[in-house]
Amino acid sequence: METALGTETGQVRPAPTLEMVAALAGVSRATVSRVVNGSTSVAPELVHSVEQAVRTLNYVPNRAARTLASRRTYTITLLVPESTSKVFADPFFATVVEGVAKYLNSTDYMLNMVTSSEANPGKTQRYLMGGNVDGVLVVSHHSGDHSWEHLSDALPIVFAGRPLLNAADSYYVEVDNEEGALAAAERLIATGRQNIATIAGPQDMPPGVDRLAGWRAGLHRAGLNDALVEYGDFTVASGAVAMERLLARGKPVDGVFAANDQMAAGAHAVILKHGLRIPEDIALVGFDDDQFATGVEPALTTVHHPIAELGEKMARMLVELIEGRATERVCRLPTSLVVRESA
């Protein structure tokens, strides 16, 4: 009787080899190699024979040998220069991973994820540049980060959002943050708001910069004052603190655009805590259209951010770079306004 390891005498059944697949399929070893490596130069009937032999023998290609032959690891790293606690608290990152995985499922590439503290950026750089990966996706980057500094000299790299430094030489996928924020401001203006504030994101990150610029453009077009600005770090707690500061100014506020839904949720709680009504006293608009937008009552009007599509486009662009195929340098995705009860 056979066991999982072989026979009951204790002999281990040898793992099927490329040569065994070739013998069963009646083709050369080179033909089997081309088929398992995805070559399109093999006749369809031979591909069928090889695939049938692979299934019959339960053959698994030797990844180490394949790496040596191709000089690829077939591994991609998603680099997030943020604390682990922030990454796992923010649904944005999970949705990006969902989009990346969707594209990579149709390829031979595996995905790993590195969260990097700027306290030790050299450790991350040594790993990424040590021959462990074929390319890097960088998400939630700041202009002062060093974990990905000079990576493009050694590896293909694609950013989520343009880097604030060296954007002209970088490959990136971004949402149209400025246009989305402009739509948010125009929505508040269309509901009759005159004293419109913003809770802006960090100004060392592209979304923070661009969403503030879009909000200002909307107010300027309407001839409204743009002095009501407070800043957060895209967390719920920072949105609450910023809203407290806006109310403490003692100036009229009848509309607020928060640069993401988490900060909008923090502001939402503070507005209600002060006995104010949403949207009757203060209308509120967020950005992202994630679970925070629908997890409050009244639900948030927000700007829909196609986050999963962003991850998918980033993965496609990176694989094309790794494999030397033509790809665009910049991909910009549109946003859309989702109107709910808060505005």
C-alpha atoms as a PDB file:
ATOM      1  CA  MET A   1       0.000   0.000   0.000  1.00  0.00           C
ATOM      2  CA  GLU A   2       1.283   3.471  -0.863  1.00  0.00           C
ATOM      3  CA  THR A   3       1.495   6.292   1.656  1.00  0.00           C
ATOM      4  CA  ALA A   4       1.837  10.044   1.081  1.00  0.00           C
ATOM      5  CA  LEU A   5       5.623   9.579   1.059  1.00  0.00           C
ATOM      6  CA  GLY A   6       5.822   6.446  -1.060  1.00  0.00           C
ATOM      7  CA  THR A   7       5.456   2.777  -0.131  1.00  0.00           C
ATOM      8  CA  GLU A   8       4.912   1.155   3.220  1.00  0.00           C
ATOM      9  CA  THR A   9       8.550  -0.039   3.107  1.00  0.00           C
ATOM     10  CA  GLY A  10       9.563   3.562   3.728  1.00  0.00           C
ATOM     11  CA  GLN A  11      10.948   4.274   0.273  1.00  0.00           C
ATOM     12  CA  VAL A  12      10.366   7.875  -0.837  1.00  0.00           C
ATOM     13  CA  ARG A  13       8.887   8.193  -4.284  1.00  0.00           C
ATOM     14  CA  PRO A  14      11.118  10.499  -6.377  1.00  0.00           C
ATOM     15  CA  ALA A  15       9.637  13.806  -7.408  1.00  0.00           C
ATOM     16  CA  PRO A  16       8.721  13.946 -11.101  1.00  0.00           C
ATOM     17  CA  THR A  17      11.324  15.665 -13.236  1.00  0.00           C
ATOM     18  CA  LEU A  18      11.335  17.638 -16.454  1.00  0.00           C
ATOM     19  CA  GLU A  19      12.807  14.593 -18.200  1.00  0.00           C
ATOM     20  CA  MET A  20       9.963  12.365 -16.956  1.00  0.00           C
ATOM     21  CA  VAL A  21       7.393  14.828 -18.291  1.00  0.00           C
ATOM     22  CA  ALA A  22       9.225  14.915 -21.645  1.00  0.00           C
ATOM     23  CA  ALA A  23       9.275  11.107 -21.878  1.00  0.00           C
ATOM     24  CA  LEU A  24       5.570  10.774 -21.087  1.00  0.00           C
ATOM     25  CA  ALA A  25       4.600  13.561 -23.504  1.00  0.00           C
ATOM     26  CA  GLY A  26       6.896  12.237 -26.252  1.00  0.00           C
ATOM     27  CA  VAL A  27       8.690  15.554 -26.686  1.00  0.00           C
ATOM     28  CA  SER A  28      12.126  16.979 -25.927  1.00  0.00           C
ATOM     29  CA  ARG A  29      13.170  18.382 -22.566  1.00  0.00           C
ATOM     30  CA  ALA A  30      13.553  21.808 -24.219  1.00  0.00           C
ATOM     31  CA  THR A  31       9.932  21.709 -25.408  1.00  0.00           C
ATOM     32  CA  VAL A  32       8.696  20.945 -21.893  1.00  0.00           C
ATOM     33  CA  SER A  33      10.815  23.806 -20.554  1.00  0.00           C
ATOM     34  CA  ARG A  34       9.336  26.228 -23.061  1.00  0.00           C
ATOM     35  CA  VAL A  35       5.771  25.162 -22.224  1.00  0.00           C
ATOM     36  CA  VAL A  36       6.132  25.433 -18.425  1.00  0.00           C
ATOM     37  CA  ASN A  37       7.789  28.825 -18.843  1.00  0.00           C
ATOM     38  CA  GLY A  38       4.861  30.154 -20.862  1.00  0.00           C
ATOM     39  CA  SER A  39       6.454  30.324 -24.300  1.00  0.00           C
ATOM     40  CA  THR A  40       4.060  30.942 -27.192  1.00  0.00           C
ATOM     41  CA  SER A  41       6.391  29.354 -29.766  1.00  0.00           C
ATOM     42  CA  VAL A  42       5.237  25.752 -29.151  1.00  0.00           C
ATOM     43  CA  ALA A  43       2.618  24.099 -31.362  1.00  0.00           C
ATOM     44  CA  PRO A  44      -0.790  23.789 -29.638  1.00  0.00           C
ATOM     45  CA  GLU A  45      -0.874  19.988 -29.918  1.00  0.00           C
ATOM     46  CA  LEU A  46       2.514  19.730 -28.169  1.00  0.00           C
ATOM     47  CA  VAL A  47       1.370  22.144 -25.469  1.00  0.00           C
ATOM     48  CA  HIS A  48      -1.636  19.888 -24.880  1.00  0.00           C
ATOM     49  CA  SER A  49       0.581  16.782 -24.603  1.00  0.00           C
ATOM     50  CA  VAL A  50       2.945  18.472 -22.164  1.00  0.00           C
ATOM     51  CA  GLU A  51       0.119  19.854 -19.999  1.00  0.00           C
ATOM     52  CA  GLN A  52      -1.509  16.411 -19.869  1.00  0.00           C
ATOM     53  CA  ALA A  53       1.796  14.831 -18.784  1.00  0.00           C
ATOM     54  CA  VAL A  54       2.286  17.549 -16.144  1.00  0.00           C
ATOM     55  CA  ARG A  55      -1.138  16.755 -14.684  1.00  0.00           C
ATOM     56  CA  THR A  56      -0.613  13.008 -14.817  1.00  0.00           C
ATOM     57  CA  LEU A  57       2.745  13.173 -13.009  1.00  0.00           C
ATOM     58  CA  ASN A  58       1.737  16.076 -10.744  1.00  0.00           C
ATOM     59  CA  TYR A  59       4.886  17.847 -11.853  1.00  0.00           C
ATOM     60  CA  VAL A  60       5.772  21.140 -10.125  1.00  0.00           C
ATOM     61  CA  PRO A  61       8.448  23.287 -11.815  1.00  0.00           C
ATOM     62  CA  ASN A  62      11.604  23.856  -9.788  1.00  0.00           C
ATOM     63  CA  ARG A  63      11.336  27.535  -8.950  1.00  0.00           C
ATOM     64  CA  ALA A  64      14.979  27.846  -7.915  1.00  0.00           C
ATOM     65  CA  ALA A  65      16.183  26.424 -11.224  1.00  0.00           C
ATOM     66  CA  ARG A  66      13.776  28.653 -13.079  1.00  0.00           C
ATOM     67  CA  THR A  67      15.115  31.686 -11.234  1.00  0.00           C
ATOM     68  CA  LEU A  68      18.676  30.811 -12.185  1.00  0.00           C
ATOM     69  CA  ALA A  69      17.732  30.332 -15.816  1.00  0.00           C
ATOM     70  CA  SER A  70      15.673  33.503 -16.162  1.00  0.00           C
ATOM     71  CA  ARG A  71      17.508  35.657 -13.611  1.00  0.00           C
ATOM     72  CA  ARG A  72      14.113  36.459 -12.101  1.00  0.00           C
ATOM     73  CA  THR A  73      12.688  35.675  -8.689  1.00  0.00           C
ATOM     74  CA  TYR A  74       9.060  35.989  -9.854  1.00  0.00           C
ATOM     75  CA  THR A  75       8.423  37.977  -6.675  1.00  0.00           C
ATOM     76  CA  ILE A  76       7.068  41.511  -6.385  1.00  0.00           C
ATOM     77  CA  THR A  77       7.135  43.576  -3.207  1.00  0.00           C
ATOM     78  CA  LEU A  78       4.413  45.988  -2.147  1.00  0.00           C
ATOM     79  CA  LEU A  79       6.290  48.553  -0.071  1.00  0.00           C
ATOM     80  CA  VAL A  80       4.271  50.706   2.353  1.00  0.00           C
ATOM     81  CA  PRO A  81       6.410  53.260   4.228  1.00  0.00           C
ATOM     82  CA  GLU A  82       3.958  53.400   7.149  1.00  0.00           C
ATOM     83  CA  SER A  83       3.629  51.788  10.562  1.00  0.00           C
ATOM     84  CA  THR A  84       2.010  48.357  10.671  1.00  0.00           C
ATOM     85  CA  SER A  85      -0.755  49.679  12.942  1.00  0.00           C
ATOM     86  CA  LYS A  86      -1.703  52.324  10.379  1.00  0.00           C
ATOM     87  CA  VAL A  87      -1.657  49.867   7.486  1.00  0.00           C
ATOM     88  CA  PHE A  88      -4.023  47.408   9.155  1.00  0.00           C
ATOM     89  CA  ALA A  89      -6.403  50.142  10.342  1.00  0.00           C
ATOM     90  CA  ASP A  90      -6.883  51.659   6.888  1.00  0.00           C
ATOM     91  CA  PRO A  91      -9.081  49.815   4.338  1.00  0.00           C
ATOM     92  CA  PHE A  92      -7.239  51.606   1.523  1.00  0.00           C
ATOM     93  CA  PHE A  93      -4.283  49.244   1.766  1.00  0.00           C
ATOM     94  CA  ALA A  94      -6.365  46.059   1.742  1.00  0.00           C
ATOM     95  CA  THR A  95      -8.179  47.257  -1.356  1.00  0.00           C
ATOM     96  CA  VAL A  96      -4.909  48.069  -3.130  1.00  0.00           C
ATOM     97  CA  VAL A  97      -3.684  44.533  -2.351  1.00  0.00           C
ATOM     98  CA  GLU A  98      -6.949  43.147  -3.736  1.00  0.00           C
ATOM     99  CA  GLY A  99      -6.352  44.950  -7.028  1.00  0.00           C
ATOM    100  CA  VAL A 100      -2.686  43.915  -7.239  1.00  0.00           C
ATOM    101  CA  ALA A 101      -3.553  40.279  -6.510  1.00  0.00           C
ATOM    102  CA  LYS A 102      -6.294  40.287  -9.142  1.00  0.00           C
ATOM    103  CA  TYR A 103      -3.763  41.095 -11.858  1.00  0.00           C
ATOM    104  CA  LEU A 104      -0.973  38.867 -10.537  1.00  0.00           C
ATOM    105  CA  ASN A 105      -3.338  35.870 -10.412  1.00  0.00           C
ATOM    106  CA  SER A 106      -2.989  35.674 -14.194  1.00  0.00           C
ATOM    107  CA  THR A 107       0.832  35.670 -14.007  1.00  0.00           C
ATOM    108  CA  ASP A 108       3.589  33.605 -12.374  1.00  0.00           C
ATOM    109  CA  TYR A 109       4.516  36.429  -9.988  1.00  0.00           C
ATOM    110  CA  MET A 110       4.072  36.186  -6.228  1.00  0.00           C
ATOM    111  CA  LEU A 111       3.411  39.182  -3.968  1.00  0.00           C
ATOM    112  CA  ASN A 112       4.947  40.020  -0.627  1.00  0.00           C
ATOM    113  CA  MET A 113       4.434  43.120   1.479  1.00  0.00           C
ATOM    114  CA  VAL A 114       6.929  45.200   3.444  1.00  0.00           C
ATOM    115  CA  THR A 115       5.905  47.900   5.902  1.00  0.00           C
ATOM    116  CA  SER A 116       8.877  50.115   6.510  1.00  0.00           C
ATOM    117  CA  SER A 117       9.715  52.359   9.424  1.00  0.00           C
ATOM    118  CA  GLU A 118      11.905  55.315   8.559  1.00  0.00           C
ATOM    119  CA  ALA A 119      13.843  54.517  11.732  1.00  0.00           C
ATOM    120  CA  ASN A 120      15.731  51.873   9.729  1.00  0.00           C
ATOM    121  CA  PRO A 121      15.275  52.486   5.975  1.00  0.00           C
ATOM    122  CA  GLY A 122      18.599  50.806   5.218  1.00  0.00           C
ATOM    123  CA  LYS A 123      17.219  47.411   6.219  1.00  0.00           C
ATOM    124  CA  THR A 124      14.425  47.736   3.647  1.00  0.00           C
ATOM    125  CA  GLN A 125      16.819  48.928   0.965  1.00  0.00           C
ATOM    126  CA  ARG A 126      19.205  46.034   1.569  1.00  0.00           C
ATOM    127  CA  TYR A 127      16.374  43.518   1.227  1.00  0.00           C
ATOM    128  CA  LEU A 128      14.923  45.037  -1.921  1.00  0.00           C
ATOM    129  CA  MET A 129      18.273  45.505  -3.646  1.00  0.00           C
ATOM    130  CA  GLY A 130      19.674  42.128  -2.556  1.00  0.00           C
ATOM    131  CA  GLY A 131      18.282  40.111  -5.465  1.00  0.00           C
ATOM    132  CA  ASN A 132      15.168  39.028  -3.577  1.00  0.00           C
ATOM    133  CA  VAL A 133      12.547  40.666  -5.820  1.00  0.00           C
ATOM    134  CA  ASP A 134      12.023  41.643  -9.454  1.00  0.00           C
ATOM    135  CA  GLY A 135      10.210  44.919  -8.849  1.00  0.00           C
ATOM    136  CA  VAL A 136       8.549  47.147  -6.266  1.00  0.00           C
ATOM    137  CA  LEU A 137       5.150  48.822  -5.861  1.00  0.00           C
ATOM    138  CA  VAL A 138       5.322  51.816  -3.497  1.00  0.00           C
ATOM    139  CA  VAL A 139       2.107  52.938  -1.797  1.00  0.00           C
ATOM    140  CA  SER A 140       1.514  55.796   0.685  1.00  0.00           C
ATOM    141  CA  HIS A 141       4.884  57.419   0.147  1.00  0.00           C
ATOM    142  CA  HIS A 142       6.062  60.694   1.664  1.00  0.00           C
ATOM    143  CA  SER A 143       8.537  63.130   0.155  1.00  0.00           C
ATOM    144  CA  GLY A 144      10.964  62.504   3.039  1.00  0.00           C
ATOM    145  CA  ASP A 145      11.006  58.697   2.809  1.00  0.00           C
ATOM    146  CA  HIS A 146      14.351  56.970   2.351  1.00  0.00           C
ATOM    147  CA  SER A 147      13.262  53.318   2.198  1.00  0.00           C
ATOM    148  CA  TRP A 148      12.758  53.520  -1.569  1.00  0.00           C
ATOM    149  CA  GLU A 149      15.457  56.111  -2.263  1.00  0.00           C
ATOM    150  CA  HIS A 150      17.593  55.163  -5.308  1.00  0.00           C
ATOM    151  CA  LEU A 151      15.608  51.941  -5.823  1.00  0.00           C
ATOM    152  CA  SER A 152      14.858  52.881  -9.421  1.00  0.00           C
ATOM    153  CA  ASP A 153      18.599  52.669 -10.144  1.00  0.00           C
ATOM    154  CA  ALA A 154      18.450  48.916  -9.497  1.00  0.00           C
ATOM    155  CA  LEU A 155      14.823  47.767  -9.881  1.00  0.00           C
ATOM    156  CA  PRO A 156      11.643  48.599 -11.780  1.00  0.00           C
ATOM    157  CA  ILE A 157       9.435  50.620  -9.443  1.00  0.00           C
ATOM    158  CA  VAL A 158       5.859  51.890  -9.756  1.00  0.00           C
ATOM    159  CA  PHE A 159       4.278  54.384  -7.363  1.00  0.00           C
ATOM    160  CA  ALA A 160       0.691  54.871  -6.246  1.00  0.00           C
ATOM    161  CA  GLY A 161       0.487  58.597  -6.963  1.00  0.00           C
ATOM    162  CA  ARG A 162       3.263  60.678  -8.423  1.00  0.00           C
ATOM    163  CA  PRO A 163       6.320  61.076  -6.203  1.00  0.00           C
ATOM    164  CA  LEU A 164       6.704  64.674  -5.084  1.00  0.00           C
ATOM    165  CA  LEU A 165      10.390  64.335  -6.013  1.00  0.00           C
ATOM    166  CA  ASN A 166      11.578  63.178  -9.459  1.00  0.00           C
ATOM    167  CA  ALA A 167       8.056  62.740 -10.830  1.00  0.00           C
ATOM    168  CA  ALA A 168       9.255  63.317 -14.397  1.00  0.00           C
ATOM    169  CA  ASP A 169      11.387  60.159 -14.313  1.00  0.00           C
ATOM    170  CA  SER A 170       8.971  57.935 -12.392  1.00  0.00           C
ATOM    171  CA  TYR A 171       6.289  55.445 -13.343  1.00  0.00           C
ATOM    172  CA  TYR A 172       3.065  55.888 -11.397  1.00  0.00           C
ATOM    173  CA  VAL A 173      -0.679  55.324 -11.301  1.00  0.00           C
ATOM    174  CA  GLU A 174      -2.839  57.921  -9.608  1.00  0.00           C
ATOM    175  CA  VAL A 175      -6.409  58.994  -9.170  1.00  0.00           C
ATOM    176  CA  ASP A 176      -7.289  62.531 -10.278  1.00  0.00           C
ATOM    177  CA  ASN A 177      -7.163  63.897  -6.729  1.00  0.00           C
ATOM    178  CA  GLU A 178      -7.422  67.544  -7.698  1.00  0.00           C
ATOM    179  CA  GLU A 179     -10.479  67.046  -9.893  1.00  0.00           C
ATOM    180  CA  GLY A 180     -12.142  64.942  -7.182  1.00  0.00           C
ATOM    181  CA  ALA A 181     -11.583  67.581  -4.525  1.00  0.00           C
ATOM    182  CA  LEU A 182     -12.880  70.252  -6.887  1.00  0.00           C
ATOM    183  CA  ALA A 183     -16.088  68.233  -7.328  1.00  0.00           C
ATOM    184  CA  ALA A 184     -16.406  67.958  -3.531  1.00  0.00           C
ATOM    185  CA  ALA A 185     -16.064  71.734  -3.101  1.00  0.00           C
ATOM    186  CA  GLU A 186     -18.551  72.386  -5.896  1.00  0.00           C
ATOM    187  CA  ARG A 187     -21.054  70.034  -4.247  1.00  0.00           C
ATOM    188  CA  LEU A 188     -20.856  71.990  -1.001  1.00  0.00           C
ATOM    189  CA  ILE A 189     -21.219  75.265  -2.894  1.00  0.00           C
ATOM    190  CA  ALA A 190     -24.223  73.903  -4.828  1.00  0.00           C
ATOM    191  CA  THR A 191     -25.998  73.188  -1.521  1.00  0.00           C
ATOM    192  CA  GLY A 192     -25.690  76.877  -0.616  1.00  0.00           C
ATOM    193  CA  ARG A 193     -22.685  76.732   1.725  1.00  0.00           C
ATOM    194  CA  GLN A 194     -20.667  79.933   2.008  1.00  0.00           C
ATOM    195  CA  ASN A 195     -18.207  79.245   4.831  1.00  0.00           C
ATOM    196  CA  ILE A 196     -16.503  76.076   3.677  1.00  0.00           C
ATOM    197  CA  ALA A 197     -13.565  74.585   5.550  1.00  0.00           C
ATOM    198  CA  THR A 198     -11.244  71.717   4.707  1.00  0.00           C
ATOM    199  CA  ILE A 199      -9.407  69.122   6.740  1.00  0.00           C
ATOM    200  CA  ALA A 200      -6.406  68.607   4.472  1.00  0.00           C
ATOM    201  CA  GLY A 201      -4.079  65.635   4.382  1.00  0.00           C
ATOM    202  CA  PRO A 202      -0.299  65.679   4.965  1.00  0.00           C
ATOM    203  CA  GLN A 203       1.480  68.065   2.645  1.00  0.00           C
ATOM    204  CA  ASP A 204       4.391  65.676   2.113  1.00  0.00           C
ATOM    205  CA  MET A 205       2.098  63.280   0.211  1.00  0.00           C
ATOM    206  CA  PRO A 206       0.586  63.765  -3.283  1.00  0.00           C
ATOM    207  CA  PRO A 207      -3.074  63.239  -2.189  1.00  0.00           C
ATOM    208  CA  GLY A 208      -2.658  65.777   0.604  1.00  0.00           C
ATOM    209  CA  VAL A 209      -1.237  68.385  -1.763  1.00  0.00           C
ATOM    210  CA  ASP A 210      -3.595  67.787  -4.684  1.00  0.00           C
ATOM    211  CA  ARG A 211      -6.838  67.531  -2.712  1.00  0.00           C
ATOM    212  CA  LEU A 212      -6.075  70.805  -0.958  1.00  0.00           C
ATOM    213  CA  ALA A 213      -5.377  72.420  -4.338  1.00  0.00           C
ATOM    214  CA  GLY A 214      -8.660  71.114  -5.782  1.00  0.00           C
ATOM    215  CA  TRP A 215     -10.679  72.422  -2.819  1.00  0.00           C
ATOM    216  CA  ARG A 216      -9.018  75.837  -3.149  1.00  0.00           C
ATOM    217  CA  ALA A 217      -9.725  75.936  -6.891  1.00  0.00           C
ATOM    218  CA  GLY A 218     -13.423  75.318  -6.235  1.00  0.00           C
ATOM    219  CA  LEU A 219     -13.655  78.087  -3.650  1.00  0.00           C
ATOM    220  CA  HIS A 220     -11.742  80.549  -5.813  1.00  0.00           C
ATOM    221  CA  ARG A 221     -14.105  79.953  -8.746  1.00  0.00           C
ATOM    222  CA  ALA A 222     -17.021  80.808  -6.479  1.00  0.00           C
ATOM    223  CA  GLY A 223     -15.283  83.836  -4.963  1.00  0.00           C
ATOM    224  CA  LEU A 224     -15.224  82.275  -1.475  1.00  0.00           C
ATOM    225  CA  ASN A 225     -12.609  82.593   1.256  1.00  0.00           C
ATOM    226  CA  ASP A 226     -10.181  79.668   1.584  1.00  0.00           C
ATOM    227  CA  ALA A 227      -8.736  80.466   5.000  1.00  0.00           C
ATOM    228  CA  LEU A 228     -10.560  77.722   6.919  1.00  0.00           C
ATOM    229  CA  VAL A 229      -7.867  75.024   6.694  1.00  0.00           C
ATOM    230  CA  GLU A 230      -6.754  72.483   9.289  1.00  0.00           C
ATOM    231  CA  TYR A 231      -4.508  69.469   8.706  1.00  0.00           C
ATOM    232  CA  GLY A 232      -4.677  65.786   9.612  1.00  0.00           C
ATOM    233  CA  ASP A 233      -2.770  62.592   8.837  1.00  0.00           C
ATOM    234  CA  PHE A 234      -5.612  60.651   7.167  1.00  0.00           C
ATOM    235  CA  THR A 235      -6.666  58.984  10.445  1.00  0.00           C
ATOM    236  CA  VAL A 236     -10.023  59.251  12.251  1.00  0.00           C
ATOM    237  CA  ALA A 237      -8.382  60.754  15.335  1.00  0.00           C
ATOM    238  CA  SER A 238      -6.670  63.498  13.337  1.00  0.00           C
ATOM    239  CA  GLY A 239      -9.967  64.396  11.658  1.00  0.00           C
ATOM    240  CA  ALA A 240     -11.624  64.789  15.062  1.00  0.00           C
ATOM    241  CA  VAL A 241      -8.805  67.020  16.333  1.00  0.00           C
ATOM    242  CA  ALA A 242      -8.909  69.154  13.183  1.00  0.00           C
ATOM    243  CA  MET A 243     -12.697  69.602  13.463  1.00  0.00           C
ATOM    244  CA  GLU A 244     -12.343  70.700  17.081  1.00  0.00           C
ATOM    245  CA  ARG A 245      -9.826  73.303  15.945  1.00  0.00           C
ATOM    246  CA  LEU A 246     -12.122  74.576  13.228  1.00  0.00           C
ATOM    247  CA  LEU A 247     -14.997  75.023  15.674  1.00  0.00           C
ATOM    248  CA  ALA A 248     -12.696  76.612  18.250  1.00  0.00           C
ATOM    249  CA  ARG A 249     -11.809  79.406  15.818  1.00  0.00           C
ATOM    250  CA  GLY A 250     -15.203  80.949  16.494  1.00  0.00           C
ATOM    251  CA  LYS A 251     -15.766  81.639  12.816  1.00  0.00           C
ATOM    252  CA  PRO A 252     -18.829  80.479  10.876  1.00  0.00           C
ATOM    253  CA  VAL A 253     -18.497  77.025   9.285  1.00  0.00           C
ATOM    254  CA  ASP A 254     -21.373  75.567   7.306  1.00  0.00           C
ATOM    255  CA  GLY A 255     -19.498  73.082   5.109  1.00  0.00           C
ATOM    256  CA  VAL A 256     -16.427  70.846   5.458  1.00  0.00           C
ATOM    257  CA  PHE A 257     -14.453  68.865   2.917  1.00  0.00           C
ATOM    258  CA  ALA A 258     -12.224  66.244   4.544  1.00  0.00           C
ATOM    259  CA  ALA A 259      -9.446  64.834   2.356  1.00  0.00           C
ATOM    260  CA  ASN A 260     -10.394  61.241   3.155  1.00  0.00           C
ATOM    261  CA  ASP A 261     -13.329  59.393   4.674  1.00  0.00           C
ATOM    262  CA  GLN A 262     -11.488  58.482   7.865  1.00  0.00           C
ATOM    263  CA  MET A 263     -10.882  62.144   8.716  1.00  0.00           C
ATOM    264  CA  ALA A 264     -14.459  62.908   7.660  1.00  0.00           C
ATOM    265  CA  ALA A 265     -15.699  60.253  10.118  1.00  0.00           C
ATOM    266  CA  GLY A 266     -13.686  61.909  12.900  1.00  0.00           C
ATOM    267  CA  ALA A 267     -15.132  65.302  11.982  1.00  0.00           C
ATOM    268  CA  HIS A 268     -18.627  63.789  11.793  1.00  0.00           C
ATOM    269  CA  ALA A 269     -18.447  62.616  15.423  1.00  0.00           C
ATOM    270  CA  VAL A 270     -17.231  66.005  16.656  1.00  0.00           C
ATOM    271  CA  ILE A 271     -19.943  67.938  14.817  1.00  0.00           C
ATOM    272  CA  LEU A 272     -22.642  65.814  16.416  1.00  0.00           C
ATOM    273  CA  LYS A 273     -20.950  65.984  19.827  1.00  0.00           C
ATOM    274  CA  HIS A 274     -21.251  69.773  19.715  1.00  0.00           C
ATOM    275  CA  GLY A 275     -25.005  69.502  19.153  1.00  0.00           C
ATOM    276  CA  LEU A 276     -24.809  70.505  15.505  1.00  0.00           C
ATOM    277  CA  ARG A 277     -26.793  68.805  12.766  1.00  0.00           C
ATOM    278  CA  ILE A 278     -25.473  67.217   9.581  1.00  0.00           C
ATOM    279  CA  PRO A 279     -26.192  68.526   6.969  1.00  0.00           C
ATOM    280  CA  GLU A 280     -28.543  71.242   8.276  1.00  0.00           C
ATOM    281  CA  ASP A 281     -25.862  73.118  10.245  1.00  0.00           C
ATOM    282  CA  ILE A 282     -22.695  71.730   8.656  1.00  0.00           C
ATOM    283  CA  ALA A 283     -22.605  69.740   5.416  1.00  0.00           C
ATOM    284  CA  LEU A 284     -19.750  67.252   5.164  1.00  0.00           C
ATOM    285  CA  VAL A 285     -17.981  65.627   2.190  1.00  0.00           C
ATOM    286  CA  GLY A 286     -15.191  63.025   2.287  1.00  0.00           C
ATOM    287  CA  PHE A 287     -12.929  61.286  -0.213  1.00  0.00           C
ATOM    288  CA  ASP A 288     -12.399  57.552  -1.012  1.00  0.00           C
ATOM    289  CA  ASP A 289     -15.908  56.042  -0.702  1.00  0.00           C
ATOM    290  CA  ASP A 290     -14.765  53.333   1.705  1.00  0.00           C
ATOM    291  CA  GLN A 291     -16.461  51.660   4.681  1.00  0.00           C
ATOM    292  CA  PHE A 292     -16.071  54.804   6.795  1.00  0.00           C
ATOM    293  CA  ALA A 293     -18.400  56.673   4.417  1.00  0.00           C
ATOM    294  CA  THR A 294     -21.304  54.320   5.048  1.00  0.00           C
ATOM    295  CA  GLY A 295     -20.453  53.500   8.656  1.00  0.00           C
ATOM    296  CA  VAL A 296     -21.770  56.819  10.009  1.00  0.00           C
ATOM    297  CA  GLU A 297     -25.267  58.290  10.217  1.00  0.00           C
ATOM    298  CA  PRO A 298     -26.045  60.329   8.226  1.00  0.00           C
ATOM    299  CA  ALA A 299     -23.861  58.623   5.614  1.00  0.00           C
ATOM    300  CA  LEU A 300     -21.157  60.621   3.881  1.00  0.00           C
ATOM    301  CA  THR A 301     -21.297  62.231   0.508  1.00  0.00           C
ATOM    302  CA  THR A 302     -17.844  61.414  -0.821  1.00  0.00           C
ATOM    303  CA  VAL A 303     -15.575  61.185  -3.848  1.00  0.00           C
ATOM    304  CA  HIS A 304     -15.291  57.632  -5.186  1.00  0.00           C
ATOM    305  CA  HIS A 305     -11.660  56.543  -5.466  1.00  0.00           C
ATOM    306  CA  PRO A 306     -11.179  53.446  -7.699  1.00  0.00           C
ATOM    307  CA  ILE A 307      -8.633  51.922  -5.318  1.00  0.00           C
ATOM    308  CA  ALA A 308      -8.787  48.301  -6.514  1.00  0.00           C
ATOM    309  CA  GLU A 309      -8.366  49.442 -10.113  1.00  0.00           C
ATOM    310  CA  LEU A 310      -5.375  51.523  -9.035  1.00  0.00           C
ATOM    311  CA  GLY A 311      -3.719  48.421  -7.559  1.00  0.00           C
ATOM    312  CA  GLU A 312      -4.487  46.375 -10.660  1.00  0.00           C
ATOM    313  CA  LYS A 313      -3.064  49.026 -13.001  1.00  0.00           C
ATOM    314  CA  MET A 314       0.077  49.347 -10.865  1.00  0.00           C
ATOM    315  CA  ALA A 315       0.711  45.597 -10.995  1.00  0.00           C
ATOM    316  CA  ARG A 316       0.214  45.483 -14.753  1.00  0.00           C
ATOM    317  CA  MET A 317       2.580  48.407 -15.306  1.00  0.00           C
ATOM    318  CA  LEU A 318       5.259  46.850 -13.096  1.00  0.00           C
ATOM    319  CA  VAL A 319       5.117  43.436 -14.789  1.00  0.00           C
ATOM    320  CA  GLU A 320       5.397  45.137 -18.173  1.00  0.00           C
ATOM    321  CA  LEU A 321       8.493  46.988 -16.952  1.00  0.00           C
ATOM    322  CA  ILE A 322      10.043  43.799 -15.537  1.00  0.00           C
ATOM    323  CA  GLU A 323       9.485  41.933 -18.779  1.00  0.00           C
ATOM    324  CA  GLY A 324      10.697  44.770 -20.999  1.00  0.00           C
ATOM    325  CA  ARG A 325       7.334  45.382 -22.608  1.00  0.00           C
ATOM    326  CA  ALA A 326       6.023  48.806 -23.604  1.00  0.00           C
ATOM    327  CA  THR A 327       3.987  50.567 -20.916  1.00  0.00           C
ATOM    328  CA  GLU A 328       2.809  54.089 -20.209  1.00  0.00           C
ATOM    329  CA  ARG A 329       4.758  56.139 -17.691  1.00  0.00           C
ATOM    330  CA  VAL A 330       1.670  57.705 -16.093  1.00  0.00           C
ATOM    331  CA  CYS A 331      -1.854  56.326 -15.698  1.00  0.00           C
ATOM    332  CA  ARG A 332      -4.474  58.674 -14.226  1.00  0.00           C
ATOM    333  CA  LEU A 333      -7.842  57.292 -13.115  1.00  0.00           C
ATOM    334  CA  PRO A 334     -11.033  59.398 -12.925  1.00  0.00           C
ATOM    335  CA  THR A 335     -13.102  59.973  -9.796  1.00  0.00           C
ATOM    336  CA  SER A 336     -16.847  60.392  -9.342  1.00  0.00           C
ATOM    337  CA  LEU A 337     -18.986  62.058  -6.687  1.00  0.00           C
ATOM    338  CA  VAL A 338     -21.264  59.811  -4.592  1.00  0.00           C
ATOM    339  CA  VAL A 339     -24.072  61.886  -3.058  1.00  0.00           C
ATOM    340  CA  ARG A 340     -25.475  60.729   0.295  1.00  0.00           C
ATOM    341  CA  GLU A 341     -27.214  62.377   3.243  1.00  0.00           C
ATOM    342  CA  SER A 342     -24.304  64.431   4.666  1.00  0.00           C
ATOM    343  CA  ALA A 343     -24.346  66.897   1.759  1.00  0.00           C
END
